[in-house]
Amino acid sequence: MPCTGFSRKTVYLLSTQGGNAYVEIDPVGQNQWNEFYGEKVAANKFWKYTTNEGFDRIRLKFAPIKNAKTSAWLILEK
């Protein structure tokens, strides 16, 4: 998701199964994705990650331990 011009970026995730969430960034929009942050996610609990770092694009990868129903949101703030 493009996020140039937004100083604060918050990612939310909710899943019926636990697993691992990975936030990846593309610093200058050149498809050079790097893992920026990773953390375990508990089942049926909101997971949140917020950053004020500057970069061009952000994406979230989630690897559940079993089949899961998952929702994710990205909030961009100036």
PDB file of N, CA and C in Angstrom:
ATOM      1  N   MET A   1       0.846  -1.168   0.000  1.00  0.00           N
ATOM      2  CA  MET A   1       0.000   0.000   0.000  1.00  0.00           C
ATOM      3  C   MET A   1       0.893   1.233   0.000  1.00  0.00           C
ATOM      4  N   PRO A   2       0.731   2.148  -0.932  1.00  0.00           N
ATOM      5  CA  PRO A   2       1.513   3.381  -0.943  1.00  0.00           C
ATOM      6  C   PRO A   2       1.224   4.220   0.300  1.00  0.00           C
ATOM      7  N   CYS A   3       2.255   4.807   0.881  1.00  0.00           N
ATOM      8  CA  CYS A   3       2.064   5.616   2.088  1.00  0.00           C
ATOM      9  C   CYS A   3       2.965   6.845   2.112  1.00  0.00           C
ATOM     10  N   THR A   4       3.472   7.263   0.951  1.00  0.00           N
ATOM     11  CA  THR A   4       4.295   8.461   0.869  1.00  0.00           C
ATOM     12  C   THR A   4       3.473   9.665   1.324  1.00  0.00           C
ATOM     13  N   GLY A   5       4.059  10.504   2.147  1.00  0.00           N
ATOM     14  CA  GLY A   5       3.376  11.701   2.608  1.00  0.00           C
ATOM     15  C   GLY A   5       2.613  11.521   3.909  1.00  0.00           C
ATOM     16  N   PHE A   6       2.565  10.306   4.425  1.00  0.00           N
ATOM     17  CA  PHE A   6       1.909  10.049   5.701  1.00  0.00           C
ATOM     18  C   PHE A   6       2.978   9.771   6.746  1.00  0.00           C
ATOM     19  N   SER A   7       2.972  10.534   7.824  1.00  0.00           N
ATOM     20  CA  SER A   7       4.025  10.373   8.821  1.00  0.00           C
ATOM     21  C   SER A   7       3.770   9.205   9.773  1.00  0.00           C
ATOM     22  N   ARG A   8       2.521   8.901  10.060  1.00  0.00           N
ATOM     23  CA  ARG A   8       2.199   7.829  11.012  1.00  0.00           C
ATOM     24  C   ARG A   8       1.421   6.732  10.291  1.00  0.00           C
ATOM     25  N   LYS A   9       1.893   5.505  10.440  1.00  0.00           N
ATOM     26  CA  LYS A   9       1.265   4.356   9.813  1.00  0.00           C
ATOM     27  C   LYS A   9       0.961   3.313  10.884  1.00  0.00           C
ATOM     28  N   THR A  10      -0.298   2.840  10.942  1.00  0.00           N
ATOM     29  CA  THR A  10      -0.695   1.832  11.926  1.00  0.00           C
ATOM     30  C   THR A  10      -1.350   0.671  11.206  1.00  0.00           C
ATOM     31  N   VAL A  11      -0.897  -0.540  11.517  1.00  0.00           N
ATOM     32  CA  VAL A  11      -1.446  -1.764  10.941  1.00  0.00           C
ATOM     33  C   VAL A  11      -2.161  -2.519  12.054  1.00  0.00           C
ATOM     34  N   TYR A  12      -3.388  -2.960  11.761  1.00  0.00           N
ATOM     35  CA  TYR A  12      -4.162  -3.786  12.690  1.00  0.00           C
ATOM     36  C   TYR A  12      -4.425  -5.128  12.040  1.00  0.00           C
ATOM     37  N   LEU A  13      -4.473  -6.179  12.852  1.00  0.00           N
ATOM     38  CA  LEU A  13      -4.743  -7.522  12.363  1.00  0.00           C
ATOM     39  C   LEU A  13      -5.592  -8.250  13.389  1.00  0.00           C
ATOM     40  N   LEU A  14      -6.568  -8.995  12.912  1.00  0.00           N
ATOM     41  CA  LEU A  14      -7.392  -9.850  13.761  1.00  0.00           C
ATOM     42  C   LEU A  14      -7.551 -11.174  13.041  1.00  0.00           C
ATOM     43  N   SER A  15      -7.286 -12.286  13.745  1.00  0.00           N
ATOM     44  CA  SER A  15      -7.336 -13.606  13.132  1.00  0.00           C
ATOM     45  C   SER A  15      -7.950 -14.618  14.094  1.00  0.00           C
ATOM     46  N   THR A  16      -8.670 -15.595  13.541  1.00  0.00           N
ATOM     47  CA  THR A  16      -9.248 -16.654  14.369  1.00  0.00           C
ATOM     48  C   THR A  16      -8.189 -17.649  14.837  1.00  0.00           C
ATOM     49  N   GLN A  17      -6.996 -17.612  14.228  1.00  0.00           N
ATOM     50  CA  GLN A  17      -5.877 -18.462  14.622  1.00  0.00           C
ATOM     51  C   GLN A  17      -4.646 -17.604  14.875  1.00  0.00           C
ATOM     52  N   GLY A  18      -3.780 -18.055  15.760  1.00  0.00           N
ATOM     53  CA  GLY A  18      -2.518 -17.372  15.996  1.00  0.00           C
ATOM     54  C   GLY A  18      -1.569 -17.591  14.837  1.00  0.00           C
ATOM     55  N   GLY A  19      -0.456 -16.907  14.873  1.00  0.00           N
ATOM     56  CA  GLY A  19       0.543 -17.049  13.823  1.00  0.00           C
ATOM     57  C   GLY A  19       1.606 -15.981  13.949  1.00  0.00           C
ATOM     58  N   ASN A  20       2.252 -15.675  12.848  1.00  0.00           N
ATOM     59  CA  ASN A  20       3.302 -14.660  12.813  1.00  0.00           C
ATOM     60  C   ASN A  20       2.952 -13.580  11.793  1.00  0.00           C
ATOM     61  N   ALA A  21       3.084 -12.329  12.214  1.00  0.00           N
ATOM     62  CA  ALA A  21       2.845 -11.183  11.340  1.00  0.00           C
ATOM     63  C   ALA A  21       4.185 -10.543  11.013  1.00  0.00           C
ATOM     64  N   TYR A  22       4.327 -10.131   9.751  1.00  0.00           N
ATOM     65  CA  TYR A  22       5.540  -9.481   9.293  1.00  0.00           C
ATOM     66  C   TYR A  22       5.164  -8.197   8.565  1.00  0.00           C
ATOM     67  N   VAL A  23       5.740  -7.087   9.000  1.00  0.00           N
ATOM     68  CA  VAL A  23       5.574  -5.814   8.311  1.00  0.00           C
ATOM     69  C   VAL A  23       6.790  -5.638   7.424  1.00  0.00           C
ATOM     70  N   GLU A  24       6.542  -5.435   6.133  1.00  0.00           N
ATOM     71  CA  GLU A  24       7.618  -5.221   5.177  1.00  0.00           C
ATOM     72  C   GLU A  24       7.484  -3.829   4.584  1.00  0.00           C
ATOM     73  N   ILE A  25       8.632  -3.218   4.261  1.00  0.00           N
ATOM     74  CA  ILE A  25       8.620  -1.880   3.660  1.00  0.00           C
ATOM     75  C   ILE A  25       9.407  -1.880   2.362  1.00  0.00           C
ATOM     76  N   ASP A  26       9.007  -0.978   1.488  1.00  0.00           N
ATOM     77  CA  ASP A  26       9.733  -0.679   0.248  1.00  0.00           C
ATOM     78  C   ASP A  26      10.193   0.766   0.413  1.00  0.00           C
ATOM     79  N   PRO A  27      11.456   0.991   0.773  1.00  0.00           N
ATOM     80  CA  PRO A  27      11.912   2.332   1.161  1.00  0.00           C
ATOM     81  C   PRO A  27      11.665   3.434   0.134  1.00  0.00           C
ATOM     82  N   VAL A  28      11.922   3.165  -1.149  1.00  0.00           N
ATOM     83  CA  VAL A  28      11.809   4.227  -2.151  1.00  0.00           C
ATOM     84  C   VAL A  28      10.948   3.827  -3.353  1.00  0.00           C
ATOM     85  N   GLY A  29      10.065   2.849  -3.197  1.00  0.00           N
ATOM     86  CA  GLY A  29       9.157   2.467  -4.279  1.00  0.00           C
ATOM     87  C   GLY A  29       9.792   1.739  -5.432  1.00  0.00           C
ATOM     88  N   GLN A  30      10.858   0.989  -5.188  1.00  0.00           N
ATOM     89  CA  GLN A  30      11.586   0.279  -6.240  1.00  0.00           C
ATOM     90  C   GLN A  30      11.412  -1.245  -6.155  1.00  0.00           C
ATOM     91  N   ASN A  31      10.371  -1.714  -5.464  1.00  0.00           N
ATOM     92  CA  ASN A  31      10.152  -3.153  -5.234  1.00  0.00           C
ATOM     93  C   ASN A  31      11.335  -3.813  -4.536  1.00  0.00           C
ATOM     94  N   GLN A  32      11.940  -3.090  -3.609  1.00  0.00           N
ATOM     95  CA  GLN A  32      13.029  -3.629  -2.800  1.00  0.00           C
ATOM     96  C   GLN A  32      12.506  -3.823  -1.377  1.00  0.00           C
ATOM     97  N   TRP A  33      11.649  -4.844  -1.207  1.00  0.00           N
ATOM     98  CA  TRP A  33      10.969  -5.084   0.055  1.00  0.00           C
ATOM     99  C   TRP A  33      11.929  -5.649   1.093  1.00  0.00           C
ATOM    100  N   ASN A  34      11.838  -5.120   2.312  1.00  0.00           N
ATOM    101  CA  ASN A  34      12.641  -5.575   3.438  1.00  0.00           C
ATOM    102  C   ASN A  34      11.731  -5.809   4.628  1.00  0.00           C
ATOM    103  N   GLU A  35      12.000  -6.899   5.361  1.00  0.00           N
ATOM    104  CA  GLU A  35      11.246  -7.114   6.593  1.00  0.00           C
ATOM    105  C   GLU A  35      11.655  -6.041   7.586  1.00  0.00           C
ATOM    106  N   PHE A  36      10.681  -5.327   8.106  1.00  0.00           N
ATOM    107  CA  PHE A  36      10.906  -4.205   9.005  1.00  0.00           C
ATOM    108  C   PHE A  36      10.608  -4.590  10.452  1.00  0.00           C
ATOM    109  N   TYR A  37       9.623  -5.490  10.622  1.00  0.00           N
ATOM    110  CA  TYR A  37       9.193  -5.872  11.966  1.00  0.00           C
ATOM    111  C   TYR A  37       8.454  -7.194  11.874  1.00  0.00           C
ATOM    112  N   GLY A  38       8.622  -8.050  12.863  1.00  0.00           N
ATOM    113  CA  GLY A  38       7.900  -9.314  12.928  1.00  0.00           C
ATOM    114  C   GLY A  38       7.543  -9.647  14.366  1.00  0.00           C
ATOM    115  N   GLU A  39       6.380 -10.281  14.538  1.00  0.00           N
ATOM    116  CA  GLU A  39       5.932 -10.595  15.892  1.00  0.00           C
ATOM    117  C   GLU A  39       4.869 -11.683  15.848  1.00  0.00           C
ATOM    118  N   LYS A  40       4.771 -12.452  16.940  1.00  0.00           N
ATOM    119  CA  LYS A  40       3.716 -13.451  17.072  1.00  0.00           C
ATOM    120  C   LYS A  40       2.379 -12.758  17.288  1.00  0.00           C
ATOM    121  N   VAL A  41       1.330 -13.375  16.750  1.00  0.00           N
ATOM    122  CA  VAL A  41      -0.032 -12.869  16.879  1.00  0.00           C
ATOM    123  C   VAL A  41      -0.863 -13.912  17.610  1.00  0.00           C
ATOM    124  N   ALA A  42      -1.619 -13.485  18.615  1.00  0.00           N
ATOM    125  CA  ALA A  42      -2.497 -14.393  19.365  1.00  0.00           C
ATOM    126  C   ALA A  42      -3.845 -14.501  18.652  1.00  0.00           C
ATOM    127  N   ALA A  43      -4.478 -15.655  18.769  1.00  0.00           N
ATOM    128  CA  ALA A  43      -5.795 -15.871  18.165  1.00  0.00           C
ATOM    129  C   ALA A  43      -6.850 -15.000  18.838  1.00  0.00           C
ATOM    130  N   ASN A  44      -7.741 -14.459  18.022  1.00  0.00           N
ATOM    131  CA  ASN A  44      -8.907 -13.689  18.482  1.00  0.00           C
ATOM    132  C   ASN A  44      -8.563 -12.465  19.321  1.00  0.00           C
ATOM    133  N   LYS A  45      -7.375 -11.894  19.108  1.00  0.00           N
ATOM    134  CA  LYS A  45      -6.977 -10.660  19.790  1.00  0.00           C
ATOM    135  C   LYS A  45      -6.445  -9.694  18.741  1.00  0.00           C
ATOM    136  N   PHE A  46      -6.764  -8.414  18.898  1.00  0.00           N
ATOM    137  CA  PHE A  46      -6.243  -7.427  17.965  1.00  0.00           C
ATOM    138  C   PHE A  46      -4.738  -7.315  18.124  1.00  0.00           C
ATOM    139  N   TRP A  47      -4.042  -7.314  16.982  1.00  0.00           N
ATOM    140  CA  TRP A  47      -2.603  -7.069  16.931  1.00  0.00           C
ATOM    141  C   TRP A  47      -2.427  -5.719  16.270  1.00  0.00           C
ATOM    142  N   LYS A  48      -1.498  -4.916  16.784  1.00  0.00           N
ATOM    143  CA  LYS A  48      -1.304  -3.558  16.279  1.00  0.00           C
ATOM    144  C   LYS A  48       0.183  -3.252  16.180  1.00  0.00           C
ATOM    145  N   TYR A  49       0.555  -2.564  15.103  1.00  0.00           N
ATOM    146  CA  TYR A  49       1.917  -2.080  14.944  1.00  0.00           C
ATOM    147  C   TYR A  49       1.846  -0.658  14.391  1.00  0.00           C
ATOM    148  N   THR A  50       2.554   0.275  15.033  1.00  0.00           N
ATOM    149  CA  THR A  50       2.574   1.674  14.604  1.00  0.00           C
ATOM    150  C   THR A  50       4.011   2.122  14.386  1.00  0.00           C
ATOM    151  N   THR A  51       4.233   2.904  13.320  1.00  0.00           N
ATOM    152  CA  THR A  51       5.561   3.450  13.050  1.00  0.00           C
ATOM    153  C   THR A  51       5.436   4.881  12.514  1.00  0.00           C
ATOM    154  N   ASN A  52       6.448   5.670  12.802  1.00  0.00           N
ATOM    155  CA  ASN A  52       6.567   7.020  12.261  1.00  0.00           C
ATOM    156  C   ASN A  52       7.738   7.117  11.282  1.00  0.00           C
ATOM    157  N   GLU A  53       8.320   5.974  10.928  1.00  0.00           N
ATOM    158  CA  GLU A  53       9.449   5.944   9.994  1.00  0.00           C
ATOM    159  C   GLU A  53       8.989   6.367   8.602  1.00  0.00           C
ATOM    160  N   GLY A  54       9.873   6.974   7.846  1.00  0.00           N
ATOM    161  CA  GLY A  54       9.546   7.399   6.483  1.00  0.00           C
ATOM    162  C   GLY A  54       9.940   6.341   5.465  1.00  0.00           C
ATOM    163  N   PHE A  55       9.010   5.946   4.632  1.00  0.00           N
ATOM    164  CA  PHE A  55       9.258   5.026   3.521  1.00  0.00           C
ATOM    165  C   PHE A  55       8.105   5.141   2.537  1.00  0.00           C
ATOM    166  N   ASP A  56       8.256   4.576   1.340  1.00  0.00           N
ATOM    167  CA  ASP A  56       7.298   4.758   0.254  1.00  0.00           C
ATOM    168  C   ASP A  56       6.090   3.825   0.346  1.00  0.00           C
ATOM    169  N   ARG A  57       6.329   2.532   0.627  1.00  0.00           N
ATOM    170  CA  ARG A  57       5.227   1.558   0.648  1.00  0.00           C
ATOM    171  C   ARG A  57       5.378   0.607   1.831  1.00  0.00           C
ATOM    172  N   ILE A  58       4.239   0.051   2.256  1.00  0.00           N
ATOM    173  CA  ILE A  58       4.206  -0.893   3.374  1.00  0.00           C
ATOM    174  C   ILE A  58       3.296  -2.062   2.999  1.00  0.00           C
ATOM    175  N   ARG A  59       3.627  -3.248   3.495  1.00  0.00           N
ATOM    176  CA  ARG A  59       2.727  -4.387   3.326  1.00  0.00           C
ATOM    177  C   ARG A  59       2.816  -5.269   4.557  1.00  0.00           C
ATOM    178  N   LEU A  60       1.768  -6.043   4.775  1.00  0.00           N
ATOM    179  CA  LEU A  60       1.675  -6.951   5.911  1.00  0.00           C
ATOM    180  C   LEU A  60       1.572  -8.363   5.384  1.00  0.00           C
ATOM    181  N   LYS A  61       2.382  -9.256   5.926  1.00  0.00           N
ATOM    182  CA  LYS A  61       2.285 -10.685   5.623  1.00  0.00           C
ATOM    183  C   LYS A  61       1.925 -11.393   6.918  1.00  0.00           C
ATOM    184  N   PHE A  62       0.968 -12.308   6.837  1.00  0.00           N
ATOM    185  CA  PHE A  62       0.545 -13.058   8.014  1.00  0.00           C
ATOM    186  C   PHE A  62       0.591 -14.538   7.702  1.00  0.00           C
ATOM    187  N   ALA A  63       1.231 -15.320   8.583  1.00  0.00           N
ATOM    188  CA  ALA A  63       1.346 -16.765   8.436  1.00  0.00           C
ATOM    189  C   ALA A  63       0.651 -17.420   9.626  1.00  0.00           C
ATOM    190  N   PRO A  64      -0.647 -17.793   9.460  1.00  0.00           N
ATOM    191  CA  PRO A  64      -1.355 -18.431  10.565  1.00  0.00           C
ATOM    192  C   PRO A  64      -0.872 -19.861  10.778  1.00  0.00           C
ATOM    193  N   ILE A  65      -1.057 -20.381  12.008  1.00  0.00           N
ATOM    194  CA  ILE A  65      -0.621 -21.752  12.300  1.00  0.00           C
ATOM    195  C   ILE A  65      -1.588 -22.779  11.710  1.00  0.00           C
ATOM    196  N   LYS A  66      -2.841 -22.392  11.462  1.00  0.00           N
ATOM    197  CA  LYS A  66      -3.852 -23.238  10.813  1.00  0.00           C
ATOM    198  C   LYS A  66      -4.691 -22.334   9.914  1.00  0.00           C
ATOM    199  N   ASN A  67      -5.632 -22.949   9.188  1.00  0.00           N
ATOM    200  CA  ASN A  67      -6.556 -22.139   8.393  1.00  0.00           C
ATOM    201  C   ASN A  67      -7.232 -21.130   9.303  1.00  0.00           C
ATOM    202  N   ALA A  68      -7.362 -19.902   8.814  1.00  0.00           N
ATOM    203  CA  ALA A  68      -7.888 -18.832   9.646  1.00  0.00           C
ATOM    204  C   ALA A  68      -8.716 -17.863   8.825  1.00  0.00           C
ATOM    205  N   LYS A  69      -9.650 -17.235   9.499  1.00  0.00           N
ATOM    206  CA  LYS A  69     -10.349 -16.084   8.936  1.00  0.00           C
ATOM    207  C   LYS A  69      -9.637 -14.870   9.497  1.00  0.00           C
ATOM    208  N   THR A  70      -9.167 -14.010   8.595  1.00  0.00           N
ATOM    209  CA  THR A  70      -8.302 -12.911   9.000  1.00  0.00           C
ATOM    210  C   THR A  70      -8.763 -11.600   8.377  1.00  0.00           C
ATOM    211  N   SER A  71      -8.662 -10.528   9.140  1.00  0.00           N
ATOM    212  CA  SER A  71      -8.917  -9.179   8.641  1.00  0.00           C
ATOM    213  C   SER A  71      -7.731  -8.299   9.012  1.00  0.00           C
ATOM    214  N   ALA A  72      -7.406  -7.362   8.135  1.00  0.00           N
ATOM    215  CA  ALA A  72      -6.306  -6.432   8.409  1.00  0.00           C
ATOM    216  C   ALA A  72      -6.698  -5.035   7.950  1.00  0.00           C
ATOM    217  N   TRP A  73      -6.179  -4.030   8.646  1.00  0.00           N
ATOM    218  CA  TRP A  73      -6.460  -2.632   8.324  1.00  0.00           C
ATOM    219  C   TRP A  73      -5.151  -1.852   8.365  1.00  0.00           C
ATOM    220  N   LEU A  74      -5.068  -0.825   7.531  1.00  0.00           N
ATOM    221  CA  LEU A  74      -3.944   0.106   7.553  1.00  0.00           C
ATOM    222  C   LEU A  74      -4.526   1.501   7.710  1.00  0.00           C
ATOM    223  N   ILE A  75      -4.069   2.220   8.725  1.00  0.00           N
ATOM    224  CA  ILE A  75      -4.499   3.595   8.959  1.00  0.00           C
ATOM    225  C   ILE A  75      -3.316   4.499   8.722  1.00  0.00           C
ATOM    226  N   LEU A  76      -3.490   5.485   7.826  1.00  0.00           N
ATOM    227  CA  LEU A  76      -2.441   6.439   7.493  1.00  0.00           C
ATOM    228  C   LEU A  76      -2.841   7.805   8.040  1.00  0.00           C
ATOM    229  N   GLU A  77      -1.912   8.455   8.742  1.00  0.00           N
ATOM    230  CA  GLU A  77      -2.179   9.770   9.329  1.00  0.00           C
ATOM    231  C   GLU A  77      -1.083  10.737   8.894  1.00  0.00           C
ATOM    232  N   LYS A  78      -1.458  11.971   8.632  1.00  0.00           N
ATOM    233  CA  LYS A  78      -0.489  13.009   8.238  1.00  0.00           C
ATOM    234  C   LYS A  78       0.259  13.515   9.423  1.00  0.00           C
TER     235      LYS A  78
END
